[in-house]
Each structure stands twice: as structure tokens, then as C-alpha cells.
Amino acid sequence: MSVRPAGIITLTTDFGLNDPYVGQMKGAILQRYPGAQLVDLSHAILRQDILGAALVLHSSYTFFPSGTVHLVIVDPGVGSQRQIIAAEAEEHYFVAPDNGVISLLLRDRLIKKVHLVEEKGFFAEPVSLTFHGRDIMGPVAAVLAKGIPLRTVGPEFSPASCVCLEMPAAQLGEQKIMGQVLQVDHFGNIRTTIRQTDLECFDNQQQCQVQICGKLIQGIMRTYTEAGVGELAALIDSAGYLEIAVNTGHAAQLLRCRIGDTVEVHYPKEEDFIR
């Protein structure tokens, strides 16, 4: 490895916690590296939600030390001909199916190296066709965290050949930004495709009006409590996305919104301002 290993492996899956899958995968990792420090990022990714996993990964990996290995198992194509990859970006390592879960890293041109995971000496024996997370990717993450060079897991692979999802993005129009609902978290907060950087084209964000599911929200706030209890608020979340929330409430339920619903931010023309 070109970066000193941190001995840390993060885990992001759609396994949930009702079944033994997370525990089995952790056991397979610890068999190969008993000293590994395992950190659960999330096991509540929606089933087969590759984009959701990509967002969690992209917004989380920078909070860990250099040399951390990030294991991402949202793998609807398990057992098929899809590839398994190990990648390096910004002194971090990523082990995942090649199905788009590293799309945001590819989009931002952060990926420096990619290798196909093909060295069977690192795999469990036998390998289940339905659980590559436990029998292939988990053990490979373990040996990377322990310090084996990335090149030993298999042949180099061009980042340009990796599967890259088409990422929804905000569209700038005249005096408005158009986006859509991207995610809903445990609290019912709605993350949109509109980024803080998109809003920088507006001089005064307090003058903005956010329209979503037939509701109009005045201004971009800084905190949830700037809205009254039970009231809608628009603000920038911890990952830099425009978020719609309800102070001590559940915005997604209140608005009955779904992933993909339209969100617009309007900025009044100068003649529309109240003087």
C-alpha cells in the first residue's frame, strides 16, 4: 500500500440488523485481521439502493484517518458477472462491487487507482454465490487494512471502465434552481439534489423561496429552531445539500414526498422585492 494502513474498516450495507449477515461479515473480517477496528457507517441503506450507498460513502469517508478501508456492500448483482473492485482515492481505500457505489468519487475525479479483486488466495473457502460481502469483499478489506499492497488483490483496472451512475444534479434557470428529492433520513429530513454551491448565485438567501410538494418555504435558514415547532424549514445539511425539515417533526410524512419529486428554489427579481 502507498499509504500507511490505519487498521480501520468502515461498513456500509443494505443488510439491516434483523439477520446475522452483518455479524457473519464482521466475523470473516476478524478471522483474517483480529486487530481490525470495525466502524458501522450504516446498515440501513434501502434495499438495493446503490445511489443511496454512494451518497453515504461520499459524505462520510473524509471523517476517517488516511489508510482507512471502506467496505460497501449494496450488491443486487451478487453472483453475476459484475466485477468486484478495490480502489484508492485521497489516501483511502474502497472495496465494493463495480455497480456504481463509487460514482461520486469517479465524478469528482478522486480515484487514483483501481484493481479488480481476483486473487482467490484472499477469499473464504468455499465462496457463496449469494454472499460475496462475507466471502470475498470482507476478507479482502481485512488484508488491505492489515497492510498488503493494493496491487496484490488483482490486475489494475481503468477508472474510466468502472460503472458510473448518472447522478441527478440541480439545473440553473433564470432566477431559479430546479432539483429533486434525493434522500430521506431517519428523522424525515429531505435531502435534495441542490447543493450549497448552487445557491451561491443568489445574493441574499433569506429572499429565496423553496417550493416542494405544493408548499412554499421562505428563506434558507441556518438551524432547525429558526422555524417554529412543527413548521417547515429549508437549510443546508451537514453534507452541503439543501435540506427540507420540520422543527421536531417529520418533513417527508408531512409533505408526502417521494424520491424524485421536484424541488425549486426561486429568487425574486429586483422589482419584486418589497421596499
C-alpha atoms as a PDB file:
ATOM      1  CA  MET A   1       0.000   0.000   0.000  1.00  0.00           C
ATOM      2  CA  SER A   2       1.247   3.503  -0.787  1.00  0.00           C
ATOM      3  CA  VAL A   3      -0.495   4.817   2.343  1.00  0.00           C
ATOM      4  CA  ARG A   4       0.162   3.534   5.833  1.00  0.00           C
ATOM      5  CA  PRO A   5      -2.841   1.396   6.887  1.00  0.00           C
ATOM      6  CA  ALA A   6      -4.972   2.730   9.738  1.00  0.00           C
ATOM      7  CA  GLY A   7      -6.352  -0.684  10.709  1.00  0.00           C
ATOM      8  CA  ILE A   8      -9.887   0.717  10.354  1.00  0.00           C
ATOM      9  CA  ILE A   9     -12.632  -0.739   8.172  1.00  0.00           C
ATOM     10  CA  THR A  10     -15.949   1.076   7.715  1.00  0.00           C
ATOM     11  CA  LEU A  11     -19.034  -0.926   6.794  1.00  0.00           C
ATOM     12  CA  THR A  12     -21.919   0.317   4.648  1.00  0.00           C
ATOM     13  CA  THR A  13     -24.613  -2.187   3.654  1.00  0.00           C
ATOM     14  CA  ASP A  14     -28.303  -2.675   2.993  1.00  0.00           C
ATOM     15  CA  PHE A  15     -28.343  -5.764   5.254  1.00  0.00           C
ATOM     16  CA  GLY A  16     -30.380  -4.305   8.126  1.00  0.00           C
ATOM     17  CA  LEU A  17     -29.862  -5.688  11.623  1.00  0.00           C
ATOM     18  CA  ASN A  18     -32.553  -8.359  11.908  1.00  0.00           C
ATOM     19  CA  ASP A  19     -30.479 -11.072  10.211  1.00  0.00           C
ATOM     20  CA  PRO A  20     -26.998 -12.380  11.018  1.00  0.00           C
ATOM     21  CA  TYR A  21     -25.403 -11.085   7.821  1.00  0.00           C
ATOM     22  CA  VAL A  22     -23.572  -8.110   9.361  1.00  0.00           C
ATOM     23  CA  GLY A  23     -22.226 -10.264  12.166  1.00  0.00           C
ATOM     24  CA  GLN A  24     -21.082 -13.003   9.782  1.00  0.00           C
ATOM     25  CA  MET A  25     -19.244 -10.490   7.621  1.00  0.00           C
ATOM     26  CA  LYS A  26     -17.545  -8.994  10.656  1.00  0.00           C
ATOM     27  CA  GLY A  27     -16.511 -12.482  11.739  1.00  0.00           C
ATOM     28  CA  ALA A  28     -14.981 -13.177   8.327  1.00  0.00           C
ATOM     29  CA  ILE A  29     -13.008  -9.928   8.572  1.00  0.00           C
ATOM     30  CA  LEU A  30     -11.787 -10.641  12.094  1.00  0.00           C
ATOM     31  CA  GLN A  31     -10.674 -14.162  11.135  1.00  0.00           C
ATOM     32  CA  ARG A  32      -8.118 -12.556   8.828  1.00  0.00           C
ATOM     33  CA  TYR A  33      -7.323  -9.496  10.895  1.00  0.00           C
ATOM     34  CA  PRO A  34      -8.317  -9.870  14.579  1.00  0.00           C
ATOM     35  CA  GLY A  35      -6.968  -6.404  15.327  1.00  0.00           C
ATOM     36  CA  ALA A  36      -9.199  -4.613  12.826  1.00  0.00           C
ATOM     37  CA  GLN A  37     -11.281  -1.729  14.125  1.00  0.00           C
ATOM     38  CA  LEU A  38     -14.733  -2.044  12.557  1.00  0.00           C
ATOM     39  CA  VAL A  39     -16.965   1.018  12.244  1.00  0.00           C
ATOM     40  CA  ASP A  40     -20.599   0.693  11.172  1.00  0.00           C
ATOM     41  CA  LEU A  41     -21.444   3.623   8.917  1.00  0.00           C
ATOM     42  CA  SER A  42     -24.903   2.325   8.047  1.00  0.00           C
ATOM     43  CA  HIS A  43     -26.682  -0.977   7.595  1.00  0.00           C
ATOM     44  CA  ALA A  44     -29.975   0.793   6.865  1.00  0.00           C
ATOM     45  CA  ILE A  45     -29.382   1.674   3.219  1.00  0.00           C
ATOM     46  CA  LEU A  46     -32.639   0.977   1.379  1.00  0.00           C
ATOM     47  CA  ARG A  47     -32.569  -2.454  -0.232  1.00  0.00           C
ATOM     48  CA  GLN A  48     -30.536  -2.385  -3.446  1.00  0.00           C
ATOM     49  CA  ASP A  49     -30.221   1.428  -3.293  1.00  0.00           C
ATOM     50  CA  ILE A  50     -26.837   1.854  -4.962  1.00  0.00           C
ATOM     51  CA  LEU A  51     -27.171   5.637  -5.228  1.00  0.00           C
ATOM     52  CA  GLY A  52     -28.041   5.866  -1.522  1.00  0.00           C
ATOM     53  CA  ALA A  53     -24.887   3.921  -0.671  1.00  0.00           C
ATOM     54  CA  ALA A  54     -22.816   6.167  -2.946  1.00  0.00           C
ATOM     55  CA  LEU A  55     -24.112   9.248  -1.128  1.00  0.00           C
ATOM     56  CA  VAL A  56     -23.380   7.819   2.327  1.00  0.00           C
ATOM     57  CA  LEU A  57     -19.868   6.849   1.271  1.00  0.00           C
ATOM     58  CA  HIS A  58     -19.092  10.194  -0.357  1.00  0.00           C
ATOM     59  CA  SER A  59     -20.312  12.228   2.618  1.00  0.00           C
ATOM     60  CA  SER A  60     -18.579  10.073   5.257  1.00  0.00           C
ATOM     61  CA  TYR A  61     -15.138   8.805   4.243  1.00  0.00           C
ATOM     62  CA  THR A  62     -13.297  12.095   4.828  1.00  0.00           C
ATOM     63  CA  PHE A  63     -14.021  11.896   8.569  1.00  0.00           C
ATOM     64  CA  PHE A  64     -11.678   8.897   8.904  1.00  0.00           C
ATOM     65  CA  PRO A  65      -7.880   8.752   9.051  1.00  0.00           C
ATOM     66  CA  SER A  66      -5.742   8.169   5.986  1.00  0.00           C
ATOM     67  CA  GLY A  67      -5.344   4.461   5.304  1.00  0.00           C
ATOM     68  CA  THR A  68      -8.922   3.578   6.281  1.00  0.00           C
ATOM     69  CA  VAL A  69     -10.602   0.867   4.190  1.00  0.00           C
ATOM     70  CA  HIS A  70     -14.247   1.478   3.283  1.00  0.00           C
ATOM     71  CA  LEU A  71     -16.250  -1.663   2.563  1.00  0.00           C
ATOM     72  CA  VAL A  72     -19.537  -1.061   0.722  1.00  0.00           C
ATOM     73  CA  ILE A  73     -21.929  -3.956   0.163  1.00  0.00           C
ATOM     74  CA  VAL A  74     -25.070  -2.973  -1.701  1.00  0.00           C
ATOM     75  CA  ASP A  75     -24.910  -5.672  -4.309  1.00  0.00           C
ATOM     76  CA  PRO A  76     -28.064  -6.631  -6.216  1.00  0.00           C
ATOM     77  CA  GLY A  77     -25.853  -8.284  -8.863  1.00  0.00           C
ATOM     78  CA  VAL A  78     -24.141 -10.674  -6.432  1.00  0.00           C
ATOM     79  CA  GLY A  79     -23.198 -13.933  -8.139  1.00  0.00           C
ATOM     80  CA  SER A  80     -23.456 -12.439 -11.632  1.00  0.00           C
ATOM     81  CA  GLN A  81     -20.655 -11.397 -13.960  1.00  0.00           C
ATOM     82  CA  ARG A  82     -20.304  -7.979 -12.318  1.00  0.00           C
ATOM     83  CA  GLN A  83     -16.763  -7.188 -11.186  1.00  0.00           C
ATOM     84  CA  ILE A  84     -15.520  -6.571  -7.657  1.00  0.00           C
ATOM     85  CA  ILE A  85     -13.067  -3.697  -7.289  1.00  0.00           C
ATOM     86  CA  ALA A  86     -10.620  -2.241  -4.795  1.00  0.00           C
ATOM     87  CA  ALA A  87      -9.805   1.436  -5.330  1.00  0.00           C
ATOM     88  CA  GLU A  88      -7.646   4.183  -3.862  1.00  0.00           C
ATOM     89  CA  ALA A  89      -8.759   7.799  -3.513  1.00  0.00           C
ATOM     90  CA  GLU A  90      -7.385  10.568  -1.314  1.00  0.00           C
ATOM     91  CA  GLU A  91      -5.324   8.121   0.778  1.00  0.00           C
ATOM     92  CA  HIS A  92      -8.377   5.951   1.478  1.00  0.00           C
ATOM     93  CA  TYR A  93      -9.248   2.504   0.127  1.00  0.00           C
ATOM     94  CA  PHE A  94     -12.592   1.276  -1.120  1.00  0.00           C
ATOM     95  CA  VAL A  95     -13.756  -2.306  -1.638  1.00  0.00           C
ATOM     96  CA  ALA A  96     -17.081  -2.719  -3.419  1.00  0.00           C
ATOM     97  CA  PRO A  97     -18.936  -4.293  -6.313  1.00  0.00           C
ATOM     98  CA  ASP A  98     -18.413  -2.408  -9.555  1.00  0.00           C
ATOM     99  CA  ASN A  99     -22.025  -1.282  -9.783  1.00  0.00           C
ATOM    100  CA  GLY A 100     -21.844   2.470  -9.239  1.00  0.00           C
ATOM    101  CA  VAL A 101     -21.329   2.786  -5.480  1.00  0.00           C
ATOM    102  CA  ILE A 102     -18.124   4.789  -6.092  1.00  0.00           C
ATOM    103  CA  SER A 103     -19.796   7.017  -8.699  1.00  0.00           C
ATOM    104  CA  LEU A 104     -19.371  10.247  -6.725  1.00  0.00           C
ATOM    105  CA  LEU A 105     -15.664   9.587  -6.264  1.00  0.00           C
ATOM    106  CA  LEU A 106     -15.392   8.990 -10.004  1.00  0.00           C
ATOM    107  CA  ARG A 107     -17.417  12.114 -10.770  1.00  0.00           C
ATOM    108  CA  ASP A 108     -15.075  14.224  -8.647  1.00  0.00           C
ATOM    109  CA  ARG A 109     -12.026  12.585 -10.278  1.00  0.00           C
ATOM    110  CA  LEU A 110     -10.699  11.409  -6.914  1.00  0.00           C
ATOM    111  CA  ILE A 111      -9.967   7.795  -7.856  1.00  0.00           C
ATOM    112  CA  LYS A 112      -6.226   7.272  -8.424  1.00  0.00           C
ATOM    113  CA  LYS A 113      -6.061   3.503  -8.820  1.00  0.00           C
ATOM    114  CA  VAL A 114      -8.495   0.635  -9.303  1.00  0.00           C
ATOM    115  CA  HIS A 115      -7.734  -3.078  -9.166  1.00  0.00           C
ATOM    116  CA  LEU A 116     -10.049  -5.974  -9.892  1.00  0.00           C
ATOM    117  CA  VAL A 117     -10.464  -8.270  -6.896  1.00  0.00           C
ATOM    118  CA  GLU A 118      -9.425 -11.630  -8.366  1.00  0.00           C
ATOM    119  CA  GLU A 119      -6.745 -13.116  -6.096  1.00  0.00           C
ATOM    120  CA  LYS A 120      -8.589 -16.163  -4.738  1.00  0.00           C
ATOM    121  CA  GLY A 121      -5.991 -16.739  -2.053  1.00  0.00           C
ATOM    122  CA  PHE A 122      -7.639 -13.944  -0.083  1.00  0.00           C
ATOM    123  CA  PHE A 123     -11.164 -15.375  -0.400  1.00  0.00           C
ATOM    124  CA  ALA A 124     -13.019 -17.579   2.047  1.00  0.00           C
ATOM    125  CA  GLU A 125     -13.430 -21.236   1.128  1.00  0.00           C
ATOM    126  CA  PRO A 126     -15.980 -22.065  -0.160  1.00  0.00           C
ATOM    127  CA  VAL A 127     -17.368 -18.856  -1.658  1.00  0.00           C
ATOM    128  CA  SER A 128     -21.144 -18.494  -1.539  1.00  0.00           C
ATOM    129  CA  LEU A 129     -22.635 -17.174  -4.775  1.00  0.00           C
ATOM    130  CA  THR A 130     -25.121 -15.142  -2.723  1.00  0.00           C
ATOM    131  CA  PHE A 131     -22.789 -13.597  -0.125  1.00  0.00           C
ATOM    132  CA  HIS A 132     -19.676 -12.118  -1.692  1.00  0.00           C
ATOM    133  CA  GLY A 133     -19.634  -9.486   1.056  1.00  0.00           C
ATOM    134  CA  ARG A 134     -18.749 -12.123   3.615  1.00  0.00           C
ATOM    135  CA  ASP A 135     -16.664 -14.464   1.479  1.00  0.00           C
ATOM    136  CA  ILE A 136     -14.761 -12.119  -0.868  1.00  0.00           C
ATOM    137  CA  MET A 137     -15.044  -8.406  -0.121  1.00  0.00           C
ATOM    138  CA  GLY A 138     -14.863  -8.648   3.664  1.00  0.00           C
ATOM    139  CA  PRO A 139     -11.678 -10.779   3.660  1.00  0.00           C
ATOM    140  CA  VAL A 140     -10.075  -8.535   1.024  1.00  0.00           C
ATOM    141  CA  ALA A 141     -10.892  -5.428   3.096  1.00  0.00           C
ATOM    142  CA  ALA A 142      -9.260  -7.169   6.062  1.00  0.00           C
ATOM    143  CA  VAL A 143      -5.972  -7.851   4.318  1.00  0.00           C
ATOM    144  CA  LEU A 144      -5.852  -4.337   2.870  1.00  0.00           C
ATOM    145  CA  ALA A 145      -6.399  -2.895   6.348  1.00  0.00           C
ATOM    146  CA  LYS A 146      -3.631  -5.149   7.615  1.00  0.00           C
ATOM    147  CA  GLY A 147      -1.203  -3.688   5.084  1.00  0.00           C
ATOM    148  CA  ILE A 148      -0.988  -5.754   1.894  1.00  0.00           C
ATOM    149  CA  PRO A 149      -0.373  -3.627  -1.250  1.00  0.00           C
ATOM    150  CA  LEU A 150      -3.443  -2.799  -3.318  1.00  0.00           C
ATOM    151  CA  ARG A 151      -1.852  -4.333  -6.408  1.00  0.00           C
ATOM    152  CA  THR A 152      -1.855  -7.811  -4.867  1.00  0.00           C
ATOM    153  CA  VAL A 153      -5.656  -8.182  -4.954  1.00  0.00           C
ATOM    154  CA  GLY A 154      -5.730  -8.435  -8.750  1.00  0.00           C
ATOM    155  CA  PRO A 155      -4.928  -6.718 -12.043  1.00  0.00           C
ATOM    156  CA  GLU A 156      -5.123  -2.959 -12.477  1.00  0.00           C
ATOM    157  CA  PHE A 157      -8.370  -1.679 -13.967  1.00  0.00           C
ATOM    158  CA  SER A 158      -9.051   1.660 -15.622  1.00  0.00           C
ATOM    159  CA  PRO A 159     -11.247   4.008 -13.547  1.00  0.00           C
ATOM    160  CA  ALA A 160     -12.877   5.007 -16.835  1.00  0.00           C
ATOM    161  CA  SER A 161     -14.136   1.423 -17.176  1.00  0.00           C
ATOM    162  CA  CYS A 162     -15.890   1.434 -13.787  1.00  0.00           C
ATOM    163  CA  VAL A 163     -19.679   1.603 -13.699  1.00  0.00           C
ATOM    164  CA  CYS A 164     -20.698   5.215 -13.032  1.00  0.00           C
ATOM    165  CA  LEU A 165     -24.298   6.091 -12.280  1.00  0.00           C
ATOM    166  CA  GLU A 166     -25.916   9.091 -13.882  1.00  0.00           C
ATOM    167  CA  MET A 167     -26.084  11.394 -10.882  1.00  0.00           C
ATOM    168  CA  PRO A 168     -29.093  13.710 -10.594  1.00  0.00           C
ATOM    169  CA  ALA A 169     -27.963  17.320 -10.428  1.00  0.00           C
ATOM    170  CA  ALA A 170     -29.562  20.706  -9.964  1.00  0.00           C
ATOM    171  CA  GLN A 171     -30.388  22.757 -13.035  1.00  0.00           C
ATOM    172  CA  LEU A 172     -29.965  26.529 -13.036  1.00  0.00           C
ATOM    173  CA  GLY A 173     -32.626  28.581 -14.757  1.00  0.00           C
ATOM    174  CA  GLU A 174     -33.451  32.283 -14.805  1.00  0.00           C
ATOM    175  CA  GLN A 175     -33.933  33.379 -11.191  1.00  0.00           C
ATOM    176  CA  LYS A 176     -34.426  29.784 -10.046  1.00  0.00           C
ATOM    177  CA  ILE A 177     -32.726  26.449  -9.392  1.00  0.00           C
ATOM    178  CA  MET A 178     -34.524  23.201 -10.185  1.00  0.00           C
ATOM    179  CA  GLY A 179     -33.746  19.974  -8.340  1.00  0.00           C
ATOM    180  CA  GLN A 180     -35.378  16.913  -6.897  1.00  0.00           C
ATOM    181  CA  VAL A 181     -35.709  14.886  -3.716  1.00  0.00           C
ATOM    182  CA  LEU A 182     -32.618  12.740  -3.325  1.00  0.00           C
ATOM    183  CA  GLN A 183     -32.912  11.015   0.076  1.00  0.00           C
ATOM    184  CA  VAL A 184     -34.967  10.912   3.263  1.00  0.00           C
ATOM    185  CA  ASP A 185     -33.176  10.233   6.535  1.00  0.00           C
ATOM    186  CA  HIS A 186     -34.302   8.578   9.781  1.00  0.00           C
ATOM    187  CA  PHE A 187     -35.687  11.876  11.078  1.00  0.00           C
ATOM    188  CA  GLY A 188     -37.756  12.506   7.950  1.00  0.00           C
ATOM    189  CA  ASN A 189     -35.430  15.251   6.719  1.00  0.00           C
ATOM    190  CA  ILE A 190     -35.436  15.574   2.940  1.00  0.00           C
ATOM    191  CA  ARG A 191     -32.095  15.904   1.149  1.00  0.00           C
ATOM    192  CA  THR A 192     -32.334  17.443  -2.310  1.00  0.00           C
ATOM    193  CA  THR A 193     -30.004  17.492  -5.301  1.00  0.00           C
ATOM    194  CA  ILE A 194     -29.446  21.227  -4.805  1.00  0.00           C
ATOM    195  CA  ARG A 195     -26.063  21.990  -3.240  1.00  0.00           C
ATOM    196  CA  GLN A 196     -24.903  24.913  -1.161  1.00  0.00           C
ATOM    197  CA  THR A 197     -22.597  25.851  -4.043  1.00  0.00           C
ATOM    198  CA  ASP A 198     -25.614  26.074  -6.371  1.00  0.00           C
ATOM    199  CA  LEU A 199     -27.205  28.665  -4.085  1.00  0.00           C
ATOM    200  CA  GLU A 200     -24.151  30.918  -4.150  1.00  0.00           C
ATOM    201  CA  CYS A 201     -25.511  32.557  -7.298  1.00  0.00           C
ATOM    202  CA  PHE A 202     -28.134  34.250  -5.083  1.00  0.00           C
ATOM    203  CA  ASP A 203     -27.002  37.349  -3.201  1.00  0.00           C
ATOM    204  CA  ASN A 204     -29.407  37.012  -0.276  1.00  0.00           C
ATOM    205  CA  GLN A 205     -30.578  33.506   0.559  1.00  0.00           C
ATOM    206  CA  GLN A 206     -33.129  34.902   3.005  1.00  0.00           C
ATOM    207  CA  GLN A 207     -35.009  36.171  -0.037  1.00  0.00           C
ATOM    208  CA  CYS A 208     -35.151  32.718  -1.632  1.00  0.00           C
ATOM    209  CA  GLN A 209     -38.385  30.785  -1.782  1.00  0.00           C
ATOM    210  CA  VAL A 210     -38.250  26.982  -1.759  1.00  0.00           C
ATOM    211  CA  GLN A 211     -41.141  25.164  -3.406  1.00  0.00           C
ATOM    212  CA  ILE A 212     -41.750  21.458  -2.746  1.00  0.00           C
ATOM    213  CA  CYS A 213     -44.885  19.300  -2.999  1.00  0.00           C
ATOM    214  CA  GLY A 214     -47.185  22.316  -3.167  1.00  0.00           C
ATOM    215  CA  LYS A 215     -45.616  24.103  -0.180  1.00  0.00           C
ATOM    216  CA  LEU A 216     -43.630  27.331  -0.213  1.00  0.00           C
ATOM    217  CA  ILE A 217     -40.856  27.977   2.329  1.00  0.00           C
ATOM    218  CA  GLN A 218     -39.444  31.467   2.749  1.00  0.00           C
ATOM    219  CA  GLY A 219     -35.689  31.789   3.037  1.00  0.00           C
ATOM    220  CA  ILE A 220     -32.774  29.435   3.707  1.00  0.00           C
ATOM    221  CA  MET A 221     -32.338  29.108   7.465  1.00  0.00           C
ATOM    222  CA  ARG A 222     -29.226  28.193   9.459  1.00  0.00           C
ATOM    223  CA  THR A 223     -30.801  25.894  12.083  1.00  0.00           C
ATOM    224  CA  TYR A 224     -33.975  23.883  12.606  1.00  0.00           C
ATOM    225  CA  THR A 225     -35.049  26.079  15.510  1.00  0.00           C
ATOM    226  CA  GLU A 226     -35.321  29.181  13.348  1.00  0.00           C
ATOM    227  CA  ALA A 227     -38.654  27.680  12.301  1.00  0.00           C
ATOM    228  CA  GLY A 228     -41.465  27.308  14.801  1.00  0.00           C
ATOM    229  CA  VAL A 229     -42.233  23.882  16.255  1.00  0.00           C
ATOM    230  CA  GLY A 230     -43.971  21.825  13.581  1.00  0.00           C
ATOM    231  CA  GLU A 231     -43.089  24.284  10.826  1.00  0.00           C
ATOM    232  CA  LEU A 232     -41.159  23.602   7.627  1.00  0.00           C
ATOM    233  CA  ALA A 233     -37.584  24.828   7.302  1.00  0.00           C
ATOM    234  CA  ALA A 234     -35.141  24.922   4.410  1.00  0.00           C
ATOM    235  CA  LEU A 235     -31.461  24.811   5.381  1.00  0.00           C
ATOM    236  CA  ILE A 236     -28.090  23.404   4.370  1.00  0.00           C
ATOM    237  CA  ASP A 237     -27.379  19.966   5.853  1.00  0.00           C
ATOM    238  CA  SER A 238     -24.077  18.675   7.231  1.00  0.00           C
ATOM    239  CA  ALA A 239     -23.000  17.399   3.797  1.00  0.00           C
ATOM    240  CA  GLY A 240     -23.719  20.648   1.959  1.00  0.00           C
ATOM    241  CA  TYR A 241     -27.097  19.776   0.412  1.00  0.00           C
ATOM    242  CA  LEU A 242     -30.288  21.812   0.593  1.00  0.00           C
ATOM    243  CA  GLU A 243     -32.494  20.049   3.132  1.00  0.00           C
ATOM    244  CA  ILE A 244     -36.185  20.384   3.895  1.00  0.00           C
ATOM    245  CA  ALA A 245     -37.065  19.632   7.514  1.00  0.00           C
ATOM    246  CA  VAL A 246     -39.744  20.181  10.126  1.00  0.00           C
ATOM    247  CA  ASN A 247     -38.724  21.502  13.529  1.00  0.00           C
ATOM    248  CA  THR A 248     -39.277  18.448  15.809  1.00  0.00           C
ATOM    249  CA  GLY A 249     -41.322  16.786  13.063  1.00  0.00           C
ATOM    250  CA  HIS A 250     -41.121  14.503  10.001  1.00  0.00           C
ATOM    251  CA  ALA A 251     -40.947  16.528   6.788  1.00  0.00           C
ATOM    252  CA  ALA A 252     -41.319  13.597   4.376  1.00  0.00           C
ATOM    253  CA  GLN A 253     -44.553  12.462   6.043  1.00  0.00           C
ATOM    254  CA  LEU A 254     -45.937  15.983   6.248  1.00  0.00           C
ATOM    255  CA  LEU A 255     -45.260  16.650   2.573  1.00  0.00           C
ATOM    256  CA  ARG A 256     -45.946  13.077   1.415  1.00  0.00           C
ATOM    257  CA  CYS A 257     -42.922  13.440  -0.830  1.00  0.00           C
ATOM    258  CA  ARG A 258     -41.096  10.695  -2.697  1.00  0.00           C
ATOM    259  CA  ILE A 259     -37.614  10.276  -4.098  1.00  0.00           C
ATOM    260  CA  GLY A 260     -37.506  12.176  -7.386  1.00  0.00           C
ATOM    261  CA  ASP A 261     -40.169  14.767  -6.527  1.00  0.00           C
ATOM    262  CA  THR A 262     -39.445  18.249  -7.845  1.00  0.00           C
ATOM    263  CA  VAL A 263     -37.841  20.923  -5.662  1.00  0.00           C
ATOM    264  CA  GLU A 264     -37.379  24.512  -6.851  1.00  0.00           C
ATOM    265  CA  VAL A 265     -35.611  27.499  -5.334  1.00  0.00           C
ATOM    266  CA  HIS A 266     -36.858  30.840  -6.638  1.00  0.00           C
ATOM    267  CA  TYR A 267     -35.153  34.199  -6.242  1.00  0.00           C
ATOM    268  CA  PRO A 268     -37.401  37.233  -6.786  1.00  0.00           C
ATOM    269  CA  LYS A 269     -36.430  39.753  -9.418  1.00  0.00           C
ATOM    270  CA  GLU A 270     -35.349  43.144  -8.124  1.00  0.00           C
ATOM    271  CA  GLU A 271     -38.710  44.700  -8.957  1.00  0.00           C
ATOM    272  CA  ASP A 272     -40.460  42.027  -6.861  1.00  0.00           C
ATOM    273  CA  PHE A 273     -38.720  42.971  -3.610  1.00  0.00           C
ATOM    274  CA  ILE A 274     -40.853  44.727  -1.003  1.00  0.00           C
ATOM    275  CA  ARG A 275     -39.336  48.133  -0.343  1.00  0.00           C
END
